Amino acid sequence: MNKLPYDNYRPIDFILRDWLALDRTVLANERTFLAYCRTSLTLVLAGLTFIRFFGHEVWAATGYGFIFFGLVVFTYGYRRYRHMLGHYSSLTVIEDEELARRLDTQSSRPAMQSVK
């Protein structure tokens, strides 16, 4: 697929706003996959309806075409979802490593004295 816009940046330079935007993008990717599922299910059900309720051979062939096209749409949506999820997963690993590094540097600082 195409190169993603954030591939031009080093993930180590991301700030909170960038990570939150990435989280929103992951949620959008899930919504898109669900839309592909919904569309494919509708096409399959339309195909079954054509086969079951319209007895003529032309309508049955149309129904089988709808079922085939519904399966193609689902397969395409699933592959696209997995492809995009791979991009996000690689960035999430970097985010986890950066968070662990920052927590280590904060825990190695001496504790602040309380003022009495």
N, C-alpha and C. Protein backbone atom coordinates (compact mmCIF):
# COMPACT_ATOMS: atom_id res chain seq x y z
N MET A 1 0.84 -1.18 0.00
CA MET A 1 0.00 0.00 0.00
C MET A 1 0.88 1.25 0.00
N ASN A 2 0.25 2.38 0.06
CA ASN A 2 0.97 3.65 0.03
C ASN A 2 1.70 3.89 1.33
N LYS A 3 2.73 4.72 1.24
CA LYS A 3 3.47 5.11 2.42
C LYS A 3 2.60 6.05 3.26
N LEU A 4 2.66 5.87 4.57
CA LEU A 4 1.83 6.68 5.45
C LEU A 4 2.53 7.99 5.79
N PRO A 5 1.78 9.05 6.08
CA PRO A 5 2.37 10.37 6.32
C PRO A 5 3.36 10.40 7.48
N TYR A 6 3.11 9.63 8.54
CA TYR A 6 3.99 9.70 9.69
C TYR A 6 5.26 8.87 9.51
N ASP A 7 5.39 8.16 8.39
CA ASP A 7 6.61 7.40 8.13
C ASP A 7 7.81 8.32 7.92
N ASN A 8 7.57 9.60 7.63
CA ASN A 8 8.66 10.55 7.41
C ASN A 8 9.26 11.06 8.71
N TYR A 9 8.65 10.74 9.85
CA TYR A 9 9.10 11.26 11.14
C TYR A 9 9.62 10.13 12.01
N ARG A 10 10.55 10.47 12.88
CA ARG A 10 11.05 9.49 13.82
C ARG A 10 10.08 9.40 15.00
N PRO A 11 9.62 8.21 15.33
CA PRO A 11 8.66 8.08 16.44
C PRO A 11 9.22 8.56 17.78
N ILE A 12 10.51 8.56 17.92
CA ILE A 12 11.10 9.01 19.18
C ILE A 12 10.86 10.50 19.39
N ASP A 13 10.60 11.24 18.30
CA ASP A 13 10.35 12.67 18.37
C ASP A 13 8.88 13.01 18.57
N PHE A 14 8.01 12.00 18.61
CA PHE A 14 6.58 12.25 18.79
C PHE A 14 6.32 12.83 20.17
N ILE A 15 5.34 13.69 20.25
CA ILE A 15 4.90 14.22 21.53
C ILE A 15 3.52 13.65 21.83
N LEU A 16 2.95 14.00 22.96
CA LEU A 16 1.66 13.43 23.38
C LEU A 16 0.58 13.63 22.32
N ARG A 17 0.54 14.80 21.73
CA ARG A 17 -0.47 15.08 20.70
C ARG A 17 -0.36 14.08 19.54
N ASP A 18 0.87 13.74 19.16
CA ASP A 18 1.08 12.81 18.06
C ASP A 18 0.60 11.40 18.43
N TRP A 19 0.89 10.98 19.65
CA TRP A 19 0.45 9.64 20.07
C TRP A 19 -1.07 9.58 20.19
N LEU A 20 -1.70 10.64 20.66
CA LEU A 20 -3.16 10.66 20.74
C LEU A 20 -3.78 10.63 19.35
N ALA A 21 -3.16 11.33 18.41
CA ALA A 21 -3.64 11.30 17.03
C ALA A 21 -3.51 9.90 16.45
N LEU A 22 -2.43 9.23 16.80
CA LEU A 22 -2.25 7.85 16.34
C LEU A 22 -3.32 6.94 16.94
N ASP A 23 -3.65 7.14 18.20
CA ASP A 23 -4.73 6.36 18.82
C ASP A 23 -6.07 6.60 18.12
N ARG A 24 -6.33 7.85 17.77
CA ARG A 24 -7.58 8.15 17.04
C ARG A 24 -7.56 7.48 15.67
N THR A 25 -6.40 7.41 15.06
CA THR A 25 -6.29 6.77 13.75
C THR A 25 -6.54 5.27 13.85
N VAL A 26 -6.06 4.66 14.92
CA VAL A 26 -6.31 3.23 15.13
C VAL A 26 -7.81 2.98 15.29
N LEU A 27 -8.47 3.83 16.05
CA LEU A 27 -9.93 3.69 16.21
C LEU A 27 -10.65 3.90 14.88
N ALA A 28 -10.18 4.83 14.08
CA ALA A 28 -10.79 5.05 12.77
C ALA A 28 -10.58 3.83 11.88
N ASN A 29 -9.42 3.19 12.00
CA ASN A 29 -9.15 1.99 11.23
C ASN A 29 -10.12 0.88 11.62
N GLU A 30 -10.40 0.75 12.91
CA GLU A 30 -11.36 -0.25 13.36
C GLU A 30 -12.77 0.05 12.86
N ARG A 31 -13.14 1.32 12.89
CA ARG A 31 -14.47 1.69 12.37
C ARG A 31 -14.57 1.38 10.88
N THR A 32 -13.50 1.62 10.15
CA THR A 32 -13.50 1.34 8.71
C THR A 32 -13.64 -0.16 8.46
N PHE A 33 -12.94 -0.96 9.25
CA PHE A 33 -13.07 -2.41 9.11
C PHE A 33 -14.50 -2.86 9.39
N LEU A 34 -15.11 -2.30 10.42
CA LEU A 34 -16.49 -2.65 10.72
C LEU A 34 -17.44 -2.23 9.59
N ALA A 35 -17.13 -1.13 8.93
CA ALA A 35 -17.95 -0.72 7.78
C ALA A 35 -17.80 -1.72 6.63
N TYR A 36 -16.57 -2.21 6.41
CA TYR A 36 -16.38 -3.25 5.39
C TYR A 36 -17.18 -4.50 5.76
N CYS A 37 -17.15 -4.90 7.04
CA CYS A 37 -17.91 -6.07 7.49
C CYS A 37 -19.41 -5.87 7.26
N ARG A 38 -19.89 -4.69 7.62
CA ARG A 38 -21.31 -4.39 7.45
C ARG A 38 -21.71 -4.44 5.98
N THR A 39 -20.87 -3.88 5.12
CA THR A 39 -21.16 -3.88 3.68
C THR A 39 -21.15 -5.29 3.12
N SER A 40 -20.15 -6.08 3.51
CA SER A 40 -20.08 -7.44 2.99
C SER A 40 -21.25 -8.29 3.47
N LEU A 41 -21.64 -8.10 4.72
CA LEU A 41 -22.78 -8.84 5.24
C LEU A 41 -24.06 -8.46 4.48
N THR A 42 -24.21 -7.20 4.19
CA THR A 42 -25.38 -6.74 3.43
C THR A 42 -25.40 -7.36 2.04
N LEU A 43 -24.24 -7.40 1.39
CA LEU A 43 -24.16 -7.99 0.05
C LEU A 43 -24.48 -9.48 0.08
N VAL A 44 -23.95 -10.19 1.07
CA VAL A 44 -24.23 -11.62 1.18
C VAL A 44 -25.71 -11.86 1.43
N LEU A 45 -26.30 -11.08 2.33
CA LEU A 45 -27.74 -11.25 2.60
C LEU A 45 -28.60 -10.90 1.39
N ALA A 46 -28.18 -9.88 0.64
CA ALA A 46 -28.91 -9.55 -0.59
C ALA A 46 -28.81 -10.70 -1.59
N GLY A 47 -27.63 -11.30 -1.67
CA GLY A 47 -27.46 -12.45 -2.56
C GLY A 47 -28.33 -13.62 -2.16
N LEU A 48 -28.37 -13.91 -0.87
CA LEU A 48 -29.23 -15.00 -0.40
C LEU A 48 -30.70 -14.70 -0.66
N THR A 49 -31.07 -13.45 -0.52
CA THR A 49 -32.46 -13.06 -0.80
C THR A 49 -32.80 -13.27 -2.27
N PHE A 50 -31.90 -12.87 -3.15
CA PHE A 50 -32.14 -13.09 -4.59
C PHE A 50 -32.28 -14.58 -4.89
N ILE A 51 -31.45 -15.39 -4.28
CA ILE A 51 -31.49 -16.83 -4.56
C ILE A 51 -32.77 -17.45 -4.01
N ARG A 52 -33.14 -17.07 -2.82
CA ARG A 52 -34.27 -17.71 -2.15
C ARG A 52 -35.63 -17.26 -2.68
N PHE A 53 -35.80 -15.96 -2.91
CA PHE A 53 -37.15 -15.45 -3.19
C PHE A 53 -37.44 -15.21 -4.67
N PHE A 54 -36.41 -15.15 -5.49
CA PHE A 54 -36.65 -14.98 -6.92
C PHE A 54 -36.16 -16.25 -7.59
N GLY A 55 -37.09 -17.06 -8.05
CA GLY A 55 -36.78 -18.39 -8.54
C GLY A 55 -36.10 -18.44 -9.90
N HIS A 56 -36.13 -17.38 -10.64
CA HIS A 56 -35.58 -17.41 -11.99
C HIS A 56 -34.06 -17.54 -11.94
N GLU A 57 -33.52 -18.21 -12.96
CA GLU A 57 -32.08 -18.47 -12.99
C GLU A 57 -31.24 -17.19 -13.05
N VAL A 58 -31.75 -16.17 -13.71
CA VAL A 58 -31.01 -14.91 -13.82
C VAL A 58 -30.87 -14.28 -12.44
N TRP A 59 -31.94 -14.31 -11.65
CA TRP A 59 -31.88 -13.73 -10.31
C TRP A 59 -30.99 -14.56 -9.39
N ALA A 60 -31.02 -15.86 -9.57
CA ALA A 60 -30.14 -16.72 -8.77
C ALA A 60 -28.67 -16.43 -9.10
N ALA A 61 -28.37 -16.25 -10.36
CA ALA A 61 -26.99 -15.92 -10.77
C ALA A 61 -26.59 -14.57 -10.19
N THR A 62 -27.53 -13.63 -10.20
CA THR A 62 -27.26 -12.32 -9.59
C THR A 62 -26.99 -12.48 -8.09
N GLY A 63 -27.75 -13.34 -7.44
CA GLY A 63 -27.56 -13.61 -6.02
C GLY A 63 -26.18 -14.19 -5.72
N TYR A 64 -25.76 -15.15 -6.55
CA TYR A 64 -24.42 -15.72 -6.36
C TYR A 64 -23.34 -14.66 -6.60
N GLY A 65 -23.59 -13.77 -7.53
CA GLY A 65 -22.64 -12.68 -7.77
C GLY A 65 -22.54 -11.75 -6.55
N PHE A 66 -23.69 -11.46 -5.93
CA PHE A 66 -23.68 -10.64 -4.72
C PHE A 66 -22.91 -11.32 -3.59
N ILE A 67 -23.11 -12.62 -3.44
CA ILE A 67 -22.41 -13.36 -2.39
C ILE A 67 -20.90 -13.32 -2.64
N PHE A 68 -20.51 -13.58 -3.88
CA PHE A 68 -19.09 -13.54 -4.22
C PHE A 68 -18.50 -12.16 -3.96
N PHE A 69 -19.21 -11.14 -4.41
CA PHE A 69 -18.71 -9.77 -4.22
C PHE A 69 -18.65 -9.41 -2.73
N GLY A 70 -19.60 -9.88 -1.94
CA GLY A 70 -19.57 -9.64 -0.50
C GLY A 70 -18.35 -10.27 0.15
N LEU A 71 -18.00 -11.48 -0.28
CA LEU A 71 -16.80 -12.13 0.26
C LEU A 71 -15.52 -11.40 -0.17
N VAL A 72 -15.53 -10.88 -1.39
CA VAL A 72 -14.38 -10.11 -1.87
C VAL A 72 -14.22 -8.83 -1.05
N VAL A 73 -15.32 -8.15 -0.78
CA VAL A 73 -15.27 -6.91 0.01
C VAL A 73 -14.77 -7.20 1.42
N PHE A 74 -15.24 -8.29 2.02
CA PHE A 74 -14.78 -8.63 3.37
C PHE A 74 -13.28 -8.94 3.37
N THR A 75 -12.83 -9.72 2.40
CA THR A 75 -11.41 -10.07 2.31
C THR A 75 -10.55 -8.82 2.13
N TYR A 76 -10.97 -7.93 1.25
CA TYR A 76 -10.22 -6.69 1.03
C TYR A 76 -10.17 -5.85 2.32
N GLY A 77 -11.31 -5.71 3.00
CA GLY A 77 -11.36 -4.93 4.23
C GLY A 77 -10.49 -5.52 5.31
N TYR A 78 -10.49 -6.85 5.43
CA TYR A 78 -9.68 -7.50 6.45
C TYR A 78 -8.19 -7.32 6.16
N ARG A 79 -7.80 -7.49 4.89
CA ARG A 79 -6.38 -7.32 4.54
C ARG A 79 -5.93 -5.88 4.76
N ARG A 80 -6.78 -4.95 4.43
CA ARG A 80 -6.44 -3.53 4.64
C ARG A 80 -6.31 -3.23 6.13
N TYR A 81 -7.22 -3.76 6.93
CA TYR A 81 -7.18 -3.57 8.38
C TYR A 81 -5.88 -4.13 8.95
N ARG A 82 -5.53 -5.36 8.58
CA ARG A 82 -4.30 -5.98 9.09
C ARG A 82 -3.06 -5.22 8.64
N HIS A 83 -3.07 -4.72 7.43
CA HIS A 83 -1.92 -3.96 6.92
C HIS A 83 -1.73 -2.68 7.73
N MET A 84 -2.79 -1.94 7.94
CA MET A 84 -2.69 -0.70 8.71
C MET A 84 -2.35 -0.98 10.17
N LEU A 85 -2.87 -2.06 10.72
CA LEU A 85 -2.58 -2.41 12.10
C LEU A 85 -1.10 -2.73 12.29
N GLY A 86 -0.47 -3.28 11.27
CA GLY A 86 0.96 -3.55 11.33
C GLY A 86 1.77 -2.28 11.47
N HIS A 87 1.36 -1.23 10.76
CA HIS A 87 2.05 0.06 10.88
C HIS A 87 1.92 0.61 12.29
N TYR A 88 0.73 0.54 12.83
CA TYR A 88 0.49 1.10 14.16
C TYR A 88 1.20 0.29 15.24
N SER A 89 1.24 -1.02 15.08
CA SER A 89 1.88 -1.87 16.08
C SER A 89 3.37 -1.58 16.18
N SER A 90 4.02 -1.32 15.06
CA SER A 90 5.45 -1.03 15.11
C SER A 90 5.71 0.27 15.85
N LEU A 91 4.83 1.24 15.71
CA LEU A 91 5.00 2.50 16.43
C LEU A 91 4.69 2.35 17.92
N THR A 92 3.76 1.49 18.26
CA THR A 92 3.39 1.30 19.65
C THR A 92 4.54 0.68 20.44
N VAL A 93 5.30 -0.21 19.82
CA VAL A 93 6.46 -0.80 20.50
C VAL A 93 7.46 0.30 20.85
N ILE A 94 7.68 1.22 19.93
CA ILE A 94 8.60 2.33 20.19
C ILE A 94 8.06 3.21 21.30
N GLU A 95 6.74 3.43 21.32
CA GLU A 95 6.13 4.24 22.37
C GLU A 95 6.33 3.58 23.74
N ASP A 96 6.16 2.28 23.83
CA ASP A 96 6.33 1.58 25.09
C ASP A 96 7.78 1.65 25.57
N GLU A 97 8.72 1.51 24.65
CA GLU A 97 10.14 1.61 25.03
C GLU A 97 10.48 3.01 25.51
N GLU A 98 9.95 4.03 24.84
CA GLU A 98 10.22 5.41 25.25
C GLU A 98 9.62 5.70 26.61
N LEU A 99 8.41 5.20 26.87
CA LEU A 99 7.78 5.40 28.17
C LEU A 99 8.59 4.74 29.27
N ALA A 100 9.06 3.52 29.03
CA ALA A 100 9.87 2.83 30.03
C ALA A 100 11.17 3.59 30.29
N ARG A 101 11.79 4.13 29.25
CA ARG A 101 13.02 4.89 29.42
C ARG A 101 12.77 6.14 30.26
N ARG A 102 11.68 6.84 29.98
CA ARG A 102 11.37 8.06 30.74
C ARG A 102 11.06 7.75 32.20
N LEU A 103 10.37 6.64 32.44
CA LEU A 103 10.06 6.26 33.82
C LEU A 103 11.34 5.88 34.57
N ASP A 104 12.27 5.22 33.89
CA ASP A 104 13.53 4.87 34.53
C ASP A 104 14.33 6.10 34.92
N THR A 105 14.34 7.11 34.05
CA THR A 105 15.09 8.32 34.36
C THR A 105 14.43 9.08 35.50
N GLN A 106 13.12 9.04 35.59
CA GLN A 106 12.43 9.73 36.68
C GLN A 106 12.63 9.00 38.01
N SER A 107 12.67 7.68 37.99
CA SER A 107 12.83 6.93 39.24
C SER A 107 14.26 7.00 39.75
N SER A 108 15.22 7.31 38.88
CA SER A 108 16.61 7.40 39.33
C SER A 108 16.93 8.77 39.94
N ARG A 109 16.03 9.74 39.82
CA ARG A 109 16.22 11.04 40.43
C ARG A 109 16.05 10.93 41.95
N PRO A 110 16.80 11.72 42.70
CA PRO A 110 16.62 11.67 44.15
C PRO A 110 15.24 12.21 44.53
N ALA A 111 14.70 11.64 45.59
CA ALA A 111 13.36 12.06 46.05
C ALA A 111 13.45 13.47 46.62
N MET A 112 12.38 14.23 46.40
CA MET A 112 12.34 15.60 46.90
C MET A 112 12.08 15.58 48.40
N GLN A 113 12.74 16.48 49.11
CA GLN A 113 12.55 16.59 50.55
C GLN A 113 11.27 17.36 50.82
N SER A 114 10.49 16.90 51.76
CA SER A 114 9.29 17.64 52.10
C SER A 114 9.65 18.81 53.01
N VAL A 115 8.98 19.90 52.82
CA VAL A 115 9.23 21.10 53.61
C VAL A 115 8.35 21.06 54.84
N LYS A 116 9.00 21.27 56.02
CA LYS A 116 8.24 21.23 57.28
C LYS A 116 8.14 22.58 57.88
